[in-house]
């Protein structure tokens, strides 16, 4: 009986070893930790530079005539105001008519009553008595107390 028992133990051990080896072979390969799996994203290839060629067609006769007959935009309306561009201009609203004379004098409603000078984005209007006012330069326009003053049509 002892021999049978020893034979049974050996048979069980051999079966266990055989089963263990078969299980090891059928297991998937061990996985790497997630930190090791991260790969650098592929670096995209630089796009090839392609020259762009624009076709320019000559204007038609009708386009030429239209360009010649249309009036040119007024440069004074688009030019920012400076001491040079403001000199000799007239401005008005519903109550006043003012002129910035080229010699530095300022005229209001036909009467010369002060002098003017440009300081940055403001026009300083002043007299000999110490009174002074400031008119804002807003691009190519003037504004007094936030209200725009229109350029007078000569």
N, C-alpha and C. Protein backbone atom coordinates (compact mmCIF):
# COMPACT_ATOMS: atom_id res chain seq x y z
N UNK A 1 0.81 -1.15 0.00
CA UNK A 1 0.00 0.00 0.00
C UNK A 1 0.88 1.25 0.00
N UNK A 2 1.96 1.08 0.63
CA UNK A 2 2.88 2.19 0.70
C UNK A 2 3.42 2.52 -0.68
N UNK A 3 3.69 1.52 -1.49
CA UNK A 3 4.18 1.75 -2.83
C UNK A 3 3.10 2.45 -3.66
N UNK A 4 1.90 2.11 -3.48
CA UNK A 4 0.80 2.71 -4.23
C UNK A 4 0.65 4.18 -3.85
N UNK A 5 0.79 4.43 -2.60
CA UNK A 5 0.66 5.79 -2.12
C UNK A 5 1.81 6.64 -2.66
N UNK A 6 3.01 6.14 -2.65
CA UNK A 6 4.16 6.88 -3.17
C UNK A 6 3.98 7.08 -4.68
N UNK A 7 3.54 6.12 -5.37
CA UNK A 7 3.31 6.21 -6.81
C UNK A 7 2.23 7.26 -7.13
N UNK A 8 1.20 7.29 -6.30
CA UNK A 8 0.12 8.26 -6.48
C UNK A 8 0.63 9.70 -6.25
N UNK A 9 1.47 9.88 -5.24
CA UNK A 9 2.04 11.20 -4.95
C UNK A 9 2.94 11.63 -6.11
N UNK A 10 3.73 10.71 -6.63
CA UNK A 10 4.62 11.05 -7.74
C UNK A 10 3.78 11.39 -8.97
N UNK A 11 2.73 10.63 -9.20
CA UNK A 11 1.87 10.87 -10.35
C UNK A 11 1.19 12.25 -10.23
N UNK A 12 0.73 12.58 -9.05
CA UNK A 12 0.09 13.88 -8.83
C UNK A 12 1.09 15.02 -9.00
N UNK A 13 2.29 14.81 -8.49
CA UNK A 13 3.32 15.85 -8.64
C UNK A 13 3.69 16.03 -10.10
N UNK A 14 3.85 14.95 -10.81
CA UNK A 14 4.21 15.03 -12.23
C UNK A 14 3.08 15.72 -13.01
N UNK A 15 1.84 15.40 -12.68
CA UNK A 15 0.69 16.03 -13.34
C UNK A 15 0.63 17.53 -13.03
N UNK A 16 0.95 17.86 -11.79
CA UNK A 16 0.95 19.28 -11.42
C UNK A 16 2.02 20.07 -12.16
N UNK A 17 3.23 19.44 -12.25
CA UNK A 17 4.33 20.11 -12.95
C UNK A 17 3.97 20.26 -14.42
N UNK A 18 3.41 19.24 -15.02
CA UNK A 18 3.03 19.28 -16.42
C UNK A 18 1.96 20.35 -16.67
N UNK A 19 0.98 20.42 -15.81
CA UNK A 19 -0.09 21.41 -15.93
C UNK A 19 0.47 22.82 -15.76
N UNK A 20 1.36 22.95 -14.80
CA UNK A 20 1.96 24.27 -14.55
C UNK A 20 2.74 24.75 -15.78
N UNK A 21 3.51 23.88 -16.41
CA UNK A 21 4.29 24.25 -17.59
C UNK A 21 3.37 24.60 -18.76
N UNK A 22 2.30 23.87 -18.95
CA UNK A 22 1.38 24.18 -20.03
C UNK A 22 0.69 25.53 -19.81
N UNK A 23 0.39 25.83 -18.58
CA UNK A 23 -0.27 27.11 -18.26
C UNK A 23 0.69 28.28 -18.50
N UNK A 24 1.96 28.08 -18.18
CA UNK A 24 2.95 29.15 -18.37
C UNK A 24 3.12 29.46 -19.85
N UNK A 25 3.06 28.42 -20.70
CA UNK A 25 3.23 28.62 -22.13
C UNK A 25 2.01 29.32 -22.74
N UNK A 26 0.84 29.10 -22.21
CA UNK A 26 -0.37 29.69 -22.79
C UNK A 26 -0.64 31.11 -22.26
N UNK A 27 0.07 31.55 -21.23
CA UNK A 27 -0.12 32.91 -20.70
C UNK A 27 0.43 33.93 -21.70
N UNK A 28 -0.25 35.12 -21.82
CA UNK A 28 0.31 36.17 -22.68
C UNK A 28 1.59 36.72 -22.05
N UNK A 29 2.40 37.33 -22.89
CA UNK A 29 3.66 37.89 -22.40
C UNK A 29 3.35 38.95 -21.35
N UNK A 30 4.20 39.08 -20.38
CA UNK A 30 3.95 40.07 -19.33
C UNK A 30 3.87 41.48 -19.93
N UNK A 31 2.95 42.27 -19.44
CA UNK A 31 2.78 43.63 -19.96
C UNK A 31 3.75 44.58 -19.28
N UNK A 32 4.11 45.62 -20.02
CA UNK A 32 5.00 46.63 -19.45
C UNK A 32 4.15 47.64 -18.69
N UNK A 33 4.73 48.25 -17.71
CA UNK A 33 3.98 49.29 -17.00
C UNK A 33 3.56 50.41 -17.95
N UNK A 34 2.46 51.10 -17.62
CA UNK A 34 1.91 52.14 -18.49
C UNK A 34 2.93 53.25 -18.77
N UNK A 35 3.74 53.56 -17.81
CA UNK A 35 4.73 54.62 -17.99
C UNK A 35 5.72 54.26 -19.09
N UNK A 36 6.03 52.97 -19.23
CA UNK A 36 6.96 52.54 -20.25
C UNK A 36 6.29 52.45 -21.62
N UNK A 37 4.97 52.30 -21.65
CA UNK A 37 4.26 52.16 -22.92
C UNK A 37 4.11 53.50 -23.65
N UNK A 38 4.17 54.60 -22.94
CA UNK A 38 3.99 55.90 -23.59
C UNK A 38 5.14 56.12 -24.57
N UNK A 39 4.76 56.45 -25.77
CA UNK A 39 5.75 56.73 -26.79
C UNK A 39 5.64 58.19 -27.18
N UNK A 40 6.70 58.72 -27.67
CA UNK A 40 6.68 60.08 -28.18
C UNK A 40 5.82 60.10 -29.43
N UNK A 41 4.99 61.14 -29.59
CA UNK A 41 4.20 61.21 -30.82
C UNK A 41 5.13 61.38 -32.00
N UNK A 42 4.75 60.83 -33.12
CA UNK A 42 5.64 60.97 -34.29
C UNK A 42 5.74 62.43 -34.69
N UNK A 43 6.91 62.83 -35.12
CA UNK A 43 7.14 64.20 -35.56
C UNK A 43 6.66 64.30 -37.00
N UNK A 44 5.70 65.21 -37.24
CA UNK A 44 5.19 65.31 -38.61
C UNK A 44 6.26 65.83 -39.55
N UNK A 45 6.21 65.35 -40.74
CA UNK A 45 7.17 65.80 -41.75
C UNK A 45 6.82 67.23 -42.15
N UNK A 46 7.83 68.02 -42.45
CA UNK A 46 7.59 69.40 -42.87
C UNK A 46 6.92 69.36 -44.24
N UNK A 47 5.87 70.20 -44.38
CA UNK A 47 5.22 70.21 -45.70
C UNK A 47 6.15 70.83 -46.74
N UNK A 48 6.04 70.35 -47.90
CA UNK A 48 6.87 70.88 -48.98
C UNK A 48 6.35 72.26 -49.35
N UNK A 49 7.27 73.16 -49.59
CA UNK A 49 6.90 74.51 -49.99
C UNK A 49 6.55 74.49 -51.46
N UNK A 50 5.38 75.04 -51.76
CA UNK A 50 4.92 75.08 -53.13
C UNK A 50 4.82 76.53 -53.54
N UNK A 51 5.51 76.95 -54.58
CA UNK A 51 5.40 78.34 -54.99
C UNK A 51 4.00 78.64 -55.51
N UNK A 52 3.50 79.81 -55.16
CA UNK A 52 2.18 80.23 -55.61
C UNK A 52 2.37 81.28 -56.68
N UNK A 53 1.74 81.07 -57.77
CA UNK A 53 1.84 82.01 -58.88
C UNK A 53 0.44 82.56 -59.13
N UNK A 54 0.31 83.87 -59.05
CA UNK A 54 -0.99 84.49 -59.29
C UNK A 54 -1.05 84.99 -60.72
N UNK A 55 -2.19 84.77 -61.31
CA UNK A 55 -2.38 85.28 -62.66
C UNK A 55 -3.03 86.64 -62.55
N UNK A 56 -2.48 87.60 -63.22
CA UNK A 56 -3.03 88.95 -63.22
C UNK A 56 -3.48 89.26 -64.63
N UNK A 57 -4.75 89.57 -64.73
CA UNK A 57 -5.26 89.89 -66.06
C UNK A 57 -5.29 91.39 -66.25
N UNK A 58 -5.10 91.79 -67.44
CA UNK A 58 -5.14 93.22 -67.75
C UNK A 58 -6.57 93.71 -67.63
N UNK A 59 -6.78 94.93 -67.16
CA UNK A 59 -8.14 95.43 -67.03
C UNK A 59 -8.78 95.59 -68.41
N UNK A 60 -10.07 95.39 -68.42
CA UNK A 60 -10.80 95.55 -69.68
C UNK A 60 -10.99 97.03 -69.97
N UNK A 61 -11.39 97.34 -71.16
CA UNK A 61 -11.61 98.75 -71.52
C UNK A 61 -12.70 99.36 -70.65
N UNK A 62 -13.73 98.58 -70.33
CA UNK A 62 -14.82 99.09 -69.48
C UNK A 62 -14.30 99.39 -68.08
N UNK A 63 -13.40 98.53 -67.55
CA UNK A 63 -12.83 98.77 -66.23
C UNK A 63 -11.94 100.01 -66.24
N UNK A 64 -11.19 100.20 -67.33
CA UNK A 64 -10.34 101.39 -67.46
C UNK A 64 -11.19 102.66 -67.44
N UNK A 65 -12.28 102.65 -68.21
CA UNK A 65 -13.15 103.83 -68.26
C UNK A 65 -13.77 104.10 -66.90
N UNK A 66 -14.19 103.06 -66.19
CA UNK A 66 -14.80 103.24 -64.87
C UNK A 66 -13.79 103.80 -63.88
N UNK A 67 -12.55 103.34 -63.95
CA UNK A 67 -11.52 103.84 -63.04
C UNK A 67 -11.19 105.29 -63.33
N UNK A 68 -11.22 105.67 -64.60
CA UNK A 68 -10.91 107.05 -64.95
C UNK A 68 -12.04 107.99 -64.60
N UNK A 69 -13.29 107.52 -64.66
CA UNK A 69 -14.42 108.41 -64.41
C UNK A 69 -14.78 108.52 -62.93
N UNK A 70 -14.37 107.55 -62.10
CA UNK A 70 -14.72 107.62 -60.68
C UNK A 70 -13.80 108.61 -59.98
N UNK A 71 -14.38 109.43 -59.10
CA UNK A 71 -13.53 110.42 -58.41
C UNK A 71 -12.60 109.73 -57.42
N UNK A 72 -11.42 110.31 -57.27
CA UNK A 72 -10.44 109.76 -56.32
C UNK A 72 -10.92 110.07 -54.90
N UNK A 73 -10.68 109.16 -53.93
CA UNK A 73 -11.09 109.43 -52.55
C UNK A 73 -10.34 110.64 -52.02
N UNK A 74 -11.00 111.39 -51.16
CA UNK A 74 -10.38 112.59 -50.60
C UNK A 74 -9.32 112.19 -49.61
N UNK A 75 -8.08 112.57 -49.90
CA UNK A 75 -6.97 112.22 -49.02
C UNK A 75 -7.09 112.93 -47.69
N UNK A 76 -7.66 114.16 -47.68
CA UNK A 76 -7.76 114.92 -46.44
C UNK A 76 -8.67 114.23 -45.44
N UNK A 77 -9.70 113.52 -45.93
CA UNK A 77 -10.63 112.86 -45.02
C UNK A 77 -9.98 111.67 -44.34
N UNK A 78 -8.97 111.09 -44.96
CA UNK A 78 -8.34 109.91 -44.41
C UNK A 78 -7.05 110.23 -43.67
N UNK A 79 -6.49 111.41 -43.89
CA UNK A 79 -5.22 111.78 -43.29
C UNK A 79 -5.44 112.24 -41.85
N UNK A 80 -4.71 111.69 -40.90
CA UNK A 80 -4.84 112.16 -39.51
C UNK A 80 -4.49 113.64 -39.42
N UNK A 81 -5.18 114.34 -38.54
CA UNK A 81 -4.94 115.78 -38.41
C UNK A 81 -3.67 116.05 -37.62
N UNK A 82 -2.90 116.98 -38.15
CA UNK A 82 -1.69 117.49 -37.51
C UNK A 82 -1.74 119.00 -37.63
N UNK A 83 -0.76 119.67 -37.08
CA UNK A 83 -0.71 121.12 -37.21
C UNK A 83 -0.67 121.52 -38.68
N UNK A 84 0.04 120.75 -39.49
CA UNK A 84 0.17 121.07 -40.91
C UNK A 84 -1.14 120.83 -41.66
N UNK A 85 -1.83 119.71 -41.39
CA UNK A 85 -3.05 119.40 -42.13
C UNK A 85 -4.25 120.18 -41.60
N UNK A 86 -4.19 120.67 -40.37
CA UNK A 86 -5.29 121.44 -39.79
C UNK A 86 -5.27 122.90 -40.24
N UNK A 87 -4.09 123.42 -40.52
CA UNK A 87 -3.94 124.83 -40.92
C UNK A 87 -4.73 125.10 -42.19
N UNK A 88 -5.55 126.17 -42.15
CA UNK A 88 -6.33 126.56 -43.32
C UNK A 88 -7.65 125.83 -43.47
N UNK A 89 -8.07 125.03 -42.49
CA UNK A 89 -9.34 124.30 -42.60
C UNK A 89 -10.45 125.01 -41.84
N UNK A 90 -11.70 124.72 -42.23
CA UNK A 90 -12.88 125.26 -41.57
C UNK A 90 -13.74 124.11 -41.08
N UNK A 91 -14.35 124.30 -39.92
CA UNK A 91 -15.18 123.28 -39.30
C UNK A 91 -16.45 123.94 -38.81
N UNK A 92 -17.56 123.18 -38.76
CA UNK A 92 -18.79 123.76 -38.28
C UNK A 92 -19.74 122.70 -37.76
N UNK A 93 -20.60 123.15 -36.86
CA UNK A 93 -21.73 122.34 -36.45
C UNK A 93 -22.95 123.24 -36.50
N UNK A 94 -24.03 122.88 -35.84
CA UNK A 94 -25.25 123.68 -35.95
C UNK A 94 -25.15 125.04 -35.28
N UNK A 95 -24.15 125.27 -34.43
CA UNK A 95 -24.05 126.54 -33.70
C UNK A 95 -22.83 127.38 -34.05
N UNK A 96 -21.75 126.76 -34.45
CA UNK A 96 -20.52 127.53 -34.67
C UNK A 96 -19.88 127.20 -36.01
N UNK A 97 -19.09 128.16 -36.46
CA UNK A 97 -18.28 128.01 -37.67
C UNK A 97 -16.87 128.46 -37.27
N UNK A 98 -15.93 127.53 -37.27
CA UNK A 98 -14.57 127.87 -36.83
C UNK A 98 -13.57 127.63 -37.95
N UNK A 99 -12.48 128.40 -37.89
CA UNK A 99 -11.42 128.25 -38.89
C UNK A 99 -10.08 128.29 -38.18
N UNK A 100 -9.19 127.40 -38.62
CA UNK A 100 -7.82 127.35 -38.11
C UNK A 100 -6.95 128.02 -39.17
N UNK A 101 -6.70 129.29 -38.97
CA UNK A 101 -5.95 130.06 -39.97
C UNK A 101 -4.49 129.61 -40.00
N UNK A 102 -3.85 129.67 -41.17
CA UNK A 102 -2.48 129.18 -41.31
C UNK A 102 -1.46 129.90 -40.42
N UNK A 103 -1.76 131.15 -40.02
CA UNK A 103 -0.80 131.90 -39.21
C UNK A 103 -0.95 131.65 -37.71
N UNK A 104 -1.75 130.63 -37.32
CA UNK A 104 -1.91 130.29 -35.91
C UNK A 104 -3.05 131.01 -35.22
N UNK A 105 -3.78 131.82 -35.96
CA UNK A 105 -4.93 132.49 -35.36
C UNK A 105 -6.17 131.61 -35.52
N UNK A 106 -7.12 131.77 -34.59
CA UNK A 106 -8.34 130.97 -34.59
C UNK A 106 -9.53 131.88 -34.74
N UNK A 107 -10.39 131.52 -35.66
CA UNK A 107 -11.55 132.35 -35.99
C UNK A 107 -12.83 131.59 -35.66
N UNK A 108 -13.77 132.28 -34.99
CA UNK A 108 -15.06 131.67 -34.67
C UNK A 108 -16.17 132.59 -35.14
N UNK A 109 -17.06 132.03 -35.96
CA UNK A 109 -18.19 132.76 -36.52
C UNK A 109 -17.75 134.08 -37.16
N UNK A 110 -16.65 134.04 -37.91
CA UNK A 110 -16.18 135.17 -38.67
C UNK A 110 -15.31 136.15 -37.88
N UNK A 111 -15.07 135.89 -36.61
CA UNK A 111 -14.30 136.82 -35.78
C UNK A 111 -13.04 136.13 -35.26
N UNK A 112 -11.88 136.76 -35.46
CA UNK A 112 -10.63 136.21 -34.93
C UNK A 112 -10.59 136.54 -33.45
N UNK A 113 -10.56 135.51 -32.62
CA UNK A 113 -10.66 135.76 -31.17
C UNK A 113 -9.63 134.99 -30.35
N UNK A 114 -8.80 134.17 -30.97
CA UNK A 114 -7.83 133.40 -30.18
C UNK A 114 -6.73 132.89 -31.10
N UNK A 115 -5.85 132.10 -30.51
CA UNK A 115 -4.78 131.44 -31.25
C UNK A 115 -4.95 129.93 -31.06
N UNK A 116 -4.28 129.16 -31.88
CA UNK A 116 -4.37 127.71 -31.75
C UNK A 116 -3.02 127.06 -31.97
N UNK A 117 -2.87 125.87 -31.36
CA UNK A 117 -1.68 125.03 -31.56
C UNK A 117 -2.07 123.59 -31.29
N UNK A 118 -1.36 122.67 -31.93
CA UNK A 118 -1.62 121.24 -31.75
C UNK A 118 -0.66 120.70 -30.72
N UNK A 119 -1.20 120.03 -29.71
CA UNK A 119 -0.41 119.35 -28.66
C UNK A 119 -0.83 117.89 -28.65
N UNK A 120 -0.08 117.03 -29.34
CA UNK A 120 -0.41 115.60 -29.38
C UNK A 120 -1.72 115.38 -30.11
N UNK A 121 -2.72 114.80 -29.40
CA UNK A 121 -4.02 114.54 -30.01
C UNK A 121 -5.07 115.57 -29.61
N UNK A 122 -4.62 116.77 -29.24
CA UNK A 122 -5.52 117.85 -28.85
C UNK A 122 -5.09 119.15 -29.53
N UNK A 123 -6.09 119.99 -29.81
CA UNK A 123 -5.82 121.34 -30.30
C UNK A 123 -6.09 122.27 -29.13
N UNK A 124 -5.09 123.05 -28.78
CA UNK A 124 -5.23 124.02 -27.69
C UNK A 124 -5.63 125.35 -28.31
N UNK A 125 -6.77 125.89 -27.85
CA UNK A 125 -7.25 127.20 -28.31
C UNK A 125 -7.13 128.13 -27.10
N UNK A 126 -6.40 129.25 -27.27
CA UNK A 126 -6.11 130.11 -26.12
C UNK A 126 -6.08 131.58 -26.55
N UNK A 127 -6.27 132.45 -25.56
CA UNK A 127 -6.19 133.89 -25.85
C UNK A 127 -5.20 134.55 -24.89
N UNK A 128 -5.02 135.85 -25.06
CA UNK A 128 -4.06 136.61 -24.24
C UNK A 128 -4.51 136.77 -22.79
N UNK A 129 -5.79 136.55 -22.50
CA UNK A 129 -6.33 136.73 -21.16
C UNK A 129 -6.17 135.48 -20.30
N UNK A 130 -5.66 134.39 -20.88
CA UNK A 130 -5.45 133.16 -20.12
C UNK A 130 -6.56 132.13 -20.30
N UNK A 131 -7.58 132.44 -21.07
CA UNK A 131 -8.65 131.47 -21.32
C UNK A 131 -8.15 130.44 -22.34
N UNK A 132 -8.43 129.18 -22.08
CA UNK A 132 -8.02 128.15 -23.03
C UNK A 132 -9.04 127.03 -23.07
N UNK A 133 -9.15 126.41 -24.22
CA UNK A 133 -10.05 125.28 -24.45
C UNK A 133 -9.28 124.25 -25.26
N UNK A 134 -9.74 123.00 -25.18
CA UNK A 134 -9.09 121.92 -25.91
C UNK A 134 -10.10 121.20 -26.79
N UNK A 135 -9.72 120.95 -28.03
CA UNK A 135 -10.53 120.20 -28.98
C UNK A 135 -9.77 118.90 -29.26
N UNK A 136 -10.47 117.78 -29.19
CA UNK A 136 -9.83 116.48 -29.41
C UNK A 136 -9.67 116.20 -30.90
N UNK A 137 -8.51 115.64 -31.26
CA UNK A 137 -8.27 115.15 -32.62
C UNK A 137 -8.58 113.66 -32.59
N UNK A 138 -9.55 113.25 -33.40
CA UNK A 138 -9.95 111.84 -33.49
C UNK A 138 -9.72 111.39 -34.93
N UNK A 139 -8.49 110.92 -35.19
CA UNK A 139 -8.12 110.51 -36.55
C UNK A 139 -8.10 111.71 -37.47
N UNK A 140 -9.08 111.76 -38.38
CA UNK A 140 -9.17 112.87 -39.33
C UNK A 140 -10.33 113.80 -38.99
N UNK A 141 -10.83 113.72 -37.74
CA UNK A 141 -11.96 114.53 -37.31
C UNK A 141 -11.62 115.29 -36.03
N UNK A 142 -12.50 116.21 -35.68
CA UNK A 142 -12.38 116.96 -34.43
C UNK A 142 -13.61 116.69 -33.57
N UNK A 143 -13.41 116.75 -32.25
CA UNK A 143 -14.54 116.58 -31.32
C UNK A 143 -14.33 117.52 -30.14
N UNK A 144 -15.44 118.15 -29.72
CA UNK A 144 -15.40 119.04 -28.56
C UNK A 144 -16.40 118.51 -27.54
N UNK A 145 -15.92 118.19 -26.33
CA UNK A 145 -16.76 117.59 -25.28
C UNK A 145 -17.45 116.33 -25.78
N UNK A 146 -16.73 115.51 -26.57
CA UNK A 146 -17.25 114.24 -27.06
C UNK A 146 -18.13 114.34 -28.28
N UNK A 147 -18.46 115.55 -28.73
CA UNK A 147 -19.34 115.73 -29.90
C UNK A 147 -18.48 116.07 -31.12
N UNK A 148 -18.66 115.31 -32.20
CA UNK A 148 -17.87 115.55 -33.40
C UNK A 148 -18.26 116.85 -34.06
N UNK A 149 -17.26 117.51 -34.60
CA UNK A 149 -17.46 118.74 -35.37
C UNK A 149 -17.16 118.41 -36.82
N UNK A 150 -18.06 118.73 -37.71
CA UNK A 150 -17.89 118.39 -39.12
C UNK A 150 -17.04 119.38 -39.87
N UNK A 151 -16.34 118.89 -40.85
CA UNK A 151 -15.52 119.77 -41.70
C UNK A 151 -16.48 120.54 -42.60
N UNK A 152 -16.25 121.83 -42.72
CA UNK A 152 -17.12 122.70 -43.53
C UNK A 152 -16.77 122.52 -44.99
N UNK A 153 -17.79 122.53 -45.82
CA UNK A 153 -17.52 122.52 -47.25
C UNK A 153 -17.22 123.93 -47.67
N UNK A 154 -16.01 124.15 -48.08
CA UNK A 154 -15.48 125.49 -48.37
C UNK A 154 -16.47 126.31 -49.05
